[in-house]
């Protein structure tokens, strides 16, 4: 099974097109309300008790007549505030990017069959694609980058008091200090700071003249 290739620029374009269609960029509040976006896109969210315990997945796309539902592990949805939004964004991304594959998933048993239908490399690829698009849906570059630059400006003194040996280390520091304001995991915020094709971490180094210790 051949998985279609998407460039990083395409993830940004796909996300912006969907967000603009449903008026989600005008609010300028991050993260994007993914539950509202899913509703506006015509899909429903269904928390399922024991989904992760019984099937080993926290989210899944389920085909229904005329569309799709997004199933999510009930415990994740109700108690894991910093993670459930990412799960929903990635499942929505699967519908957008991988409809030809997920159209056959009608129940949770089909989810397991779906996973097994790919070799390891292709399965990793589709999950990575959902992660890339999901980050743009939650933290679209045109809003997120400006917010990060503003945060750096407000915390410039603290940044200059620390030593950073790489872009990764600087990204980690910013994510660690700011992720709670987005109610998302540090991993998602860190990834969004470094994502291509125009990572905001490069804008930070250029605009504020920060130097990395090599």
C-alpha atoms as a PDB file:
ATOM      1  CA  UNK A   1       0.000   0.000   0.000  1.00  0.00           C
ATOM      2  CA  UNK A   2       1.557   3.282  -1.121  1.00  0.00           C
ATOM      3  CA  UNK A   3       1.077   6.269   1.197  1.00  0.00           C
ATOM      4  CA  UNK A   4       0.853   9.654  -0.521  1.00  0.00           C
ATOM      5  CA  UNK A   5       3.606  12.157   0.211  1.00  0.00           C
ATOM      6  CA  UNK A   6       2.776  15.612   1.616  1.00  0.00           C
ATOM      7  CA  UNK A   7       5.229  18.474   1.989  1.00  0.00           C
ATOM      8  CA  UNK A   8       5.326  20.544   5.156  1.00  0.00           C
ATOM      9  CA  UNK A   9       4.052  23.524   3.167  1.00  0.00           C
ATOM     10  CA  UNK A  10       1.029  21.459   2.141  1.00  0.00           C
ATOM     11  CA  UNK A  11       0.095  20.739   5.762  1.00  0.00           C
ATOM     12  CA  UNK A  12       0.015  24.465   6.389  1.00  0.00           C
ATOM     13  CA  UNK A  13      -2.095  25.145   3.295  1.00  0.00           C
ATOM     14  CA  UNK A  14      -4.540  22.330   4.056  1.00  0.00           C
ATOM     15  CA  UNK A  15      -4.989  23.500   7.654  1.00  0.00           C
ATOM     16  CA  UNK A  16      -5.426  27.158   6.717  1.00  0.00           C
ATOM     17  CA  UNK A  17      -7.992  26.292   4.067  1.00  0.00           C
ATOM     18  CA  UNK A  18     -10.111  24.343   6.574  1.00  0.00           C
ATOM     19  CA  UNK A  19      -9.716  26.909   9.357  1.00  0.00           C
ATOM     20  CA  UNK A  20     -10.592  29.803   7.052  1.00  0.00           C
ATOM     21  CA  UNK A  21     -13.602  27.933   5.677  1.00  0.00           C
ATOM     22  CA  UNK A  22     -15.071  27.672   9.167  1.00  0.00           C
ATOM     23  CA  UNK A  23     -13.984  31.112  10.415  1.00  0.00           C
ATOM     24  CA  UNK A  24     -11.553  29.725  12.970  1.00  0.00           C
ATOM     25  CA  UNK A  25      -8.624  32.063  12.260  1.00  0.00           C
ATOM     26  CA  UNK A  26     -10.437  35.322  12.939  1.00  0.00           C
ATOM     27  CA  UNK A  27     -10.779  34.641  16.681  1.00  0.00           C
ATOM     28  CA  UNK A  28      -6.980  34.633  17.058  1.00  0.00           C
ATOM     29  CA  UNK A  29      -7.106  32.509  20.190  1.00  0.00           C
ATOM     30  CA  UNK A  30      -4.873  29.479  20.627  1.00  0.00           C
ATOM     31  CA  UNK A  31      -5.144  26.622  20.640  1.00  0.00           C
ATOM     32  CA  UNK A  32      -7.859  26.402  18.003  1.00  0.00           C
ATOM     33  CA  UNK A  33     -11.040  24.977  19.529  1.00  0.00           C
ATOM     34  CA  UNK A  34     -10.662  21.549  17.928  1.00  0.00           C
ATOM     35  CA  UNK A  35     -14.020  20.309  19.206  1.00  0.00           C
ATOM     36  CA  UNK A  36     -15.777  23.244  17.556  1.00  0.00           C
ATOM     37  CA  UNK A  37     -13.805  22.726  14.350  1.00  0.00           C
ATOM     38  CA  UNK A  38     -14.795  19.048  14.247  1.00  0.00           C
ATOM     39  CA  UNK A  39     -18.430  20.013  14.732  1.00  0.00           C
ATOM     40  CA  UNK A  40     -18.273  22.694  12.017  1.00  0.00           C
ATOM     41  CA  UNK A  41     -16.671  20.175   9.670  1.00  0.00           C
ATOM     42  CA  UNK A  42     -19.698  17.912  10.141  1.00  0.00           C
ATOM     43  CA  UNK A  43     -18.257  15.185  12.363  1.00  0.00           C
ATOM     44  CA  UNK A  44     -19.208  13.959  15.833  1.00  0.00           C
ATOM     45  CA  UNK A  45     -17.035  13.063  18.833  1.00  0.00           C
ATOM     46  CA  UNK A  46     -17.839   9.865  20.718  1.00  0.00           C
ATOM     47  CA  UNK A  47     -16.035   9.084  23.995  1.00  0.00           C
ATOM     48  CA  UNK A  48     -15.825   5.303  24.489  1.00  0.00           C
ATOM     49  CA  UNK A  49     -15.177   3.742  27.890  1.00  0.00           C
ATOM     50  CA  UNK A  50     -12.212   1.363  28.013  1.00  0.00           C
ATOM     51  CA  UNK A  51     -11.160   2.057  24.440  1.00  0.00           C
ATOM     52  CA  UNK A  52      -7.468   2.395  25.250  1.00  0.00           C
ATOM     53  CA  UNK A  53      -7.480  -0.473  27.734  1.00  0.00           C
ATOM     54  CA  UNK A  54      -9.258  -2.873  25.369  1.00  0.00           C
ATOM     55  CA  UNK A  55      -7.884  -1.803  21.981  1.00  0.00           C
ATOM     56  CA  UNK A  56      -4.666   0.059  22.730  1.00  0.00           C
ATOM     57  CA  UNK A  57      -5.723   3.241  20.924  1.00  0.00           C
ATOM     58  CA  UNK A  58      -6.777   6.604  22.311  1.00  0.00           C
ATOM     59  CA  UNK A  59      -8.519   7.798  19.164  1.00  0.00           C
ATOM     60  CA  UNK A  60      -9.993   6.394  15.961  1.00  0.00           C
ATOM     61  CA  UNK A  61     -12.009   7.376  12.904  1.00  0.00           C
ATOM     62  CA  UNK A  62     -15.233   5.391  12.440  1.00  0.00           C
ATOM     63  CA  UNK A  63     -17.170   5.443   9.163  1.00  0.00           C
ATOM     64  CA  UNK A  64     -20.889   6.047   9.403  1.00  0.00           C
ATOM     65  CA  UNK A  65     -23.573   6.562   6.789  1.00  0.00           C
ATOM     66  CA  UNK A  66     -22.892   9.899   5.173  1.00  0.00           C
ATOM     67  CA  UNK A  67     -19.716  10.724   7.052  1.00  0.00           C
ATOM     68  CA  UNK A  68     -17.428   9.939   9.958  1.00  0.00           C
ATOM     69  CA  UNK A  69     -17.358   9.922  13.739  1.00  0.00           C
ATOM     70  CA  UNK A  70     -14.254  10.454  15.842  1.00  0.00           C
ATOM     71  CA  UNK A  71     -14.024   7.990  18.721  1.00  0.00           C
ATOM     72  CA  UNK A  72     -11.833   8.862  21.691  1.00  0.00           C
ATOM     73  CA  UNK A  73     -10.985   6.976  24.842  1.00  0.00           C
ATOM     74  CA  UNK A  74     -13.329   8.307  27.518  1.00  0.00           C
ATOM     75  CA  UNK A  75     -10.656   8.553  30.214  1.00  0.00           C
ATOM     76  CA  UNK A  76      -8.361  10.479  27.878  1.00  0.00           C
ATOM     77  CA  UNK A  77     -11.197  12.840  26.953  1.00  0.00           C
ATOM     78  CA  UNK A  78     -12.281  13.514  30.520  1.00  0.00           C
ATOM     79  CA  UNK A  79      -9.006  13.580  32.475  1.00  0.00           C
ATOM     80  CA  UNK A  80      -6.072  14.262  30.146  1.00  0.00           C
ATOM     81  CA  UNK A  81      -6.558  17.928  29.340  1.00  0.00           C
ATOM     82  CA  UNK A  82      -3.171  18.404  27.662  1.00  0.00           C
ATOM     83  CA  UNK A  83      -3.534  15.343  25.432  1.00  0.00           C
ATOM     84  CA  UNK A  84      -7.135  14.900  24.299  1.00  0.00           C
ATOM     85  CA  UNK A  85      -7.036  17.890  21.943  1.00  0.00           C
ATOM     86  CA  UNK A  86      -4.043  16.421  20.145  1.00  0.00           C
ATOM     87  CA  UNK A  87      -5.827  13.084  19.782  1.00  0.00           C
ATOM     88  CA  UNK A  88      -8.876  14.764  18.246  1.00  0.00           C
ATOM     89  CA  UNK A  89      -6.739  16.889  15.902  1.00  0.00           C
ATOM     90  CA  UNK A  90      -4.831  13.860  14.657  1.00  0.00           C
ATOM     91  CA  UNK A  91      -8.004  11.849  14.028  1.00  0.00           C
ATOM     92  CA  UNK A  92      -9.507  14.759  12.097  1.00  0.00           C
ATOM     93  CA  UNK A  93      -6.254  14.858  10.138  1.00  0.00           C
ATOM     94  CA  UNK A  94      -6.662  11.195   9.224  1.00  0.00           C
ATOM     95  CA  UNK A  95     -10.072  11.970   7.725  1.00  0.00           C
ATOM     96  CA  UNK A  96      -8.598  14.829   5.699  1.00  0.00           C
ATOM     97  CA  UNK A  97      -5.409  13.099   4.555  1.00  0.00           C
ATOM     98  CA  UNK A  98      -6.254   9.390   4.588  1.00  0.00           C
ATOM     99  CA  UNK A  99      -9.929   9.051   3.714  1.00  0.00           C
ATOM    100  CA  UNK A 100      -9.182   6.321   1.173  1.00  0.00           C
ATOM    101  CA  UNK A 101      -7.776   4.216   4.016  1.00  0.00           C
ATOM    102  CA  UNK A 102     -10.119   5.014   6.914  1.00  0.00           C
ATOM    103  CA  UNK A 103     -13.325   4.652   4.881  1.00  0.00           C
ATOM    104  CA  UNK A 104     -13.352   0.946   5.713  1.00  0.00           C
ATOM    105  CA  UNK A 105     -13.214   1.397   9.496  1.00  0.00           C
ATOM    106  CA  UNK A 106     -16.718   0.877  10.888  1.00  0.00           C
ATOM    107  CA  UNK A 107     -15.935  -0.375  14.403  1.00  0.00           C
ATOM    108  CA  UNK A 108     -13.033  -0.723  16.807  1.00  0.00           C
ATOM    109  CA  UNK A 109     -12.150  -4.210  15.578  1.00  0.00           C
ATOM    110  CA  UNK A 110     -11.642  -2.653  12.146  1.00  0.00           C
ATOM    111  CA  UNK A 111      -9.161  -0.227  13.737  1.00  0.00           C
ATOM    112  CA  UNK A 112      -6.885  -3.137  14.618  1.00  0.00           C
ATOM    113  CA  UNK A 113      -7.217  -4.531  11.087  1.00  0.00           C
ATOM    114  CA  UNK A 114      -6.410  -1.077   9.728  1.00  0.00           C
ATOM    115  CA  UNK A 115      -3.166  -0.925  11.718  1.00  0.00           C
ATOM    116  CA  UNK A 116      -2.149  -4.381  10.528  1.00  0.00           C
ATOM    117  CA  UNK A 117      -2.831  -3.536   6.882  1.00  0.00           C
ATOM    118  CA  UNK A 118       0.295  -1.340   6.762  1.00  0.00           C
ATOM    119  CA  UNK A 119       3.912  -2.315   7.135  1.00  0.00           C
ATOM    120  CA  UNK A 120       5.744  -0.558   9.964  1.00  0.00           C
ATOM    121  CA  UNK A 121       7.257   2.119   7.740  1.00  0.00           C
ATOM    122  CA  UNK A 122       3.988   3.102   6.073  1.00  0.00           C
ATOM    123  CA  UNK A 123       2.097   3.096   9.382  1.00  0.00           C
ATOM    124  CA  UNK A 124       4.697   5.396  10.923  1.00  0.00           C
ATOM    125  CA  UNK A 125       4.335   7.644   7.878  1.00  0.00           C
ATOM    126  CA  UNK A 126       0.574   8.075   8.143  1.00  0.00           C
ATOM    127  CA  UNK A 127       0.819   8.714  11.881  1.00  0.00           C
ATOM    128  CA  UNK A 128       3.525  11.314  11.306  1.00  0.00           C
ATOM    129  CA  UNK A 129       1.392  12.964   8.630  1.00  0.00           C
ATOM    130  CA  UNK A 130      -1.556  13.184  11.043  1.00  0.00           C
ATOM    131  CA  UNK A 131       0.786  14.679  13.643  1.00  0.00           C
ATOM    132  CA  UNK A 132       2.050  17.319  11.220  1.00  0.00           C
ATOM    133  CA  UNK A 133      -1.399  18.414  10.089  1.00  0.00           C
ATOM    134  CA  UNK A 134      -2.795  18.155  13.623  1.00  0.00           C
ATOM    135  CA  UNK A 135      -0.223  20.624  14.916  1.00  0.00           C
ATOM    136  CA  UNK A 136      -1.207  23.120  12.200  1.00  0.00           C
ATOM    137  CA  UNK A 137      -4.882  22.712  13.078  1.00  0.00           C
ATOM    138  CA  UNK A 138      -4.258  23.349  16.779  1.00  0.00           C
ATOM    139  CA  UNK A 139      -1.485  25.946  16.479  1.00  0.00           C
ATOM    140  CA  UNK A 140      -1.600  27.402  12.941  1.00  0.00           C
ATOM    141  CA  UNK A 141       1.707  29.028  12.052  1.00  0.00           C
ATOM    142  CA  UNK A 142       0.292  32.427  11.160  1.00  0.00           C
ATOM    143  CA  UNK A 143      -1.064  32.842  14.722  1.00  0.00           C
ATOM    144  CA  UNK A 144       1.323  30.689  16.730  1.00  0.00           C
ATOM    145  CA  UNK A 145       4.562  32.178  15.414  1.00  0.00           C
ATOM    146  CA  UNK A 146       3.519  35.710  16.397  1.00  0.00           C
ATOM    147  CA  UNK A 147       2.532  34.521  19.865  1.00  0.00           C
ATOM    148  CA  UNK A 148       5.871  32.796  20.374  1.00  0.00           C
ATOM    149  CA  UNK A 149       7.785  35.870  19.227  1.00  0.00           C
ATOM    150  CA  UNK A 150       5.742  37.977  21.644  1.00  0.00           C
ATOM    151  CA  UNK A 151       6.490  35.525  24.469  1.00  0.00           C
ATOM    152  CA  UNK A 152      10.209  35.672  23.696  1.00  0.00           C
ATOM    153  CA  UNK A 153      10.116  39.470  23.730  1.00  0.00           C
ATOM    154  CA  UNK A 154       8.421  39.449  27.133  1.00  0.00           C
ATOM    155  CA  UNK A 155      10.888  36.896  28.507  1.00  0.00           C
ATOM    156  CA  UNK A 156      14.026  38.005  26.710  1.00  0.00           C
ATOM    157  CA  UNK A 157      15.938  38.694  29.914  1.00  0.00           C
ATOM    158  CA  UNK A 158      15.328  35.175  31.170  1.00  0.00           C
ATOM    159  CA  UNK A 159      16.381  33.679  27.842  1.00  0.00           C
ATOM    160  CA  UNK A 160      19.623  35.651  27.759  1.00  0.00           C
ATOM    161  CA  UNK A 161      20.429  34.489  31.293  1.00  0.00           C
ATOM    162  CA  UNK A 162      20.561  30.897  30.072  1.00  0.00           C
ATOM    163  CA  UNK A 163      22.991  29.055  27.815  1.00  0.00           C
ATOM    164  CA  UNK A 164      21.685  27.075  24.861  1.00  0.00           C
ATOM    165  CA  UNK A 165      23.811  24.730  22.783  1.00  0.00           C
ATOM    166  CA  UNK A 166      21.310  24.046  20.010  1.00  0.00           C
ATOM    167  CA  UNK A 167      18.001  25.069  18.476  1.00  0.00           C
ATOM    168  CA  UNK A 168      16.526  21.962  20.082  1.00  0.00           C
ATOM    169  CA  UNK A 169      17.613  23.085  23.545  1.00  0.00           C
ATOM    170  CA  UNK A 170      16.203  26.584  23.029  1.00  0.00           C
ATOM    171  CA  UNK A 171      12.939  25.122  21.704  1.00  0.00           C
ATOM    172  CA  UNK A 172      12.725  22.814  24.712  1.00  0.00           C
ATOM    173  CA  UNK A 173      13.171  25.754  27.095  1.00  0.00           C
ATOM    174  CA  UNK A 174      10.480  27.869  25.414  1.00  0.00           C
ATOM    175  CA  UNK A 175       8.070  24.928  25.302  1.00  0.00           C
ATOM    176  CA  UNK A 176       8.709  24.070  28.949  1.00  0.00           C
ATOM    177  CA  UNK A 177       7.986  27.657  30.007  1.00  0.00           C
ATOM    178  CA  UNK A 178       4.946  28.301  27.808  1.00  0.00           C
ATOM    179  CA  UNK A 179       3.065  25.059  27.091  1.00  0.00           C
ATOM    180  CA  UNK A 180       0.523  25.416  29.905  1.00  0.00           C
ATOM    181  CA  UNK A 181      -0.974  28.555  28.366  1.00  0.00           C
ATOM    182  CA  UNK A 182      -2.010  26.437  25.374  1.00  0.00           C
ATOM    183  CA  UNK A 183      -3.425  23.520  27.395  1.00  0.00           C
ATOM    184  CA  UNK A 184      -1.387  21.212  25.162  1.00  0.00           C
ATOM    185  CA  UNK A 185       1.522  18.909  25.867  1.00  0.00           C
ATOM    186  CA  UNK A 186       5.088  20.205  25.823  1.00  0.00           C
ATOM    187  CA  UNK A 187       5.807  17.855  22.914  1.00  0.00           C
ATOM    188  CA  UNK A 188       3.195  19.499  20.686  1.00  0.00           C
ATOM    189  CA  UNK A 189       4.375  23.015  21.521  1.00  0.00           C
ATOM    190  CA  UNK A 190       8.035  22.063  21.047  1.00  0.00           C
ATOM    191  CA  UNK A 191       7.263  20.403  17.721  1.00  0.00           C
ATOM    192  CA  UNK A 192       5.330  23.477  16.560  1.00  0.00           C
ATOM    193  CA  UNK A 193       8.242  25.768  17.420  1.00  0.00           C
ATOM    194  CA  UNK A 194      10.566  23.741  15.185  1.00  0.00           C
ATOM    195  CA  UNK A 195       8.300  22.703  12.329  1.00  0.00           C
ATOM    196  CA  UNK A 196       9.189  23.312   8.705  1.00  0.00           C
ATOM    197  CA  UNK A 197       9.253  24.934   6.225  1.00  0.00           C
ATOM    198  CA  UNK A 198       9.734  28.166   8.202  1.00  0.00           C
ATOM    199  CA  UNK A 199      10.391  27.281  11.852  1.00  0.00           C
ATOM    200  CA  UNK A 200       9.716  30.042  14.335  1.00  0.00           C
ATOM    201  CA  UNK A 201      12.895  29.068  16.190  1.00  0.00           C
ATOM    202  CA  UNK A 202      14.870  30.539  13.255  1.00  0.00           C
ATOM    203  CA  UNK A 203      12.814  33.738  13.449  1.00  0.00           C
ATOM    204  CA  UNK A 204      13.609  33.981  17.164  1.00  0.00           C
ATOM    205  CA  UNK A 205      17.359  33.659  16.613  1.00  0.00           C
ATOM    206  CA  UNK A 206      17.286  36.218  13.805  1.00  0.00           C
ATOM    207  CA  UNK A 207      14.987  38.809  15.368  1.00  0.00           C
ATOM    208  CA  UNK A 208      16.520  38.809  18.842  1.00  0.00           C
ATOM    209  CA  UNK A 209      20.119  38.126  17.896  1.00  0.00           C
ATOM    210  CA  UNK A 210      20.340  35.177  20.258  1.00  0.00           C
ATOM    211  CA  UNK A 211      23.490  33.099  19.957  1.00  0.00           C
ATOM    212  CA  UNK A 212      23.853  29.367  20.416  1.00  0.00           C
ATOM    213  CA  UNK A 213      26.975  28.108  22.191  1.00  0.00           C
ATOM    214  CA  UNK A 214      28.527  25.549  19.848  1.00  0.00           C
END
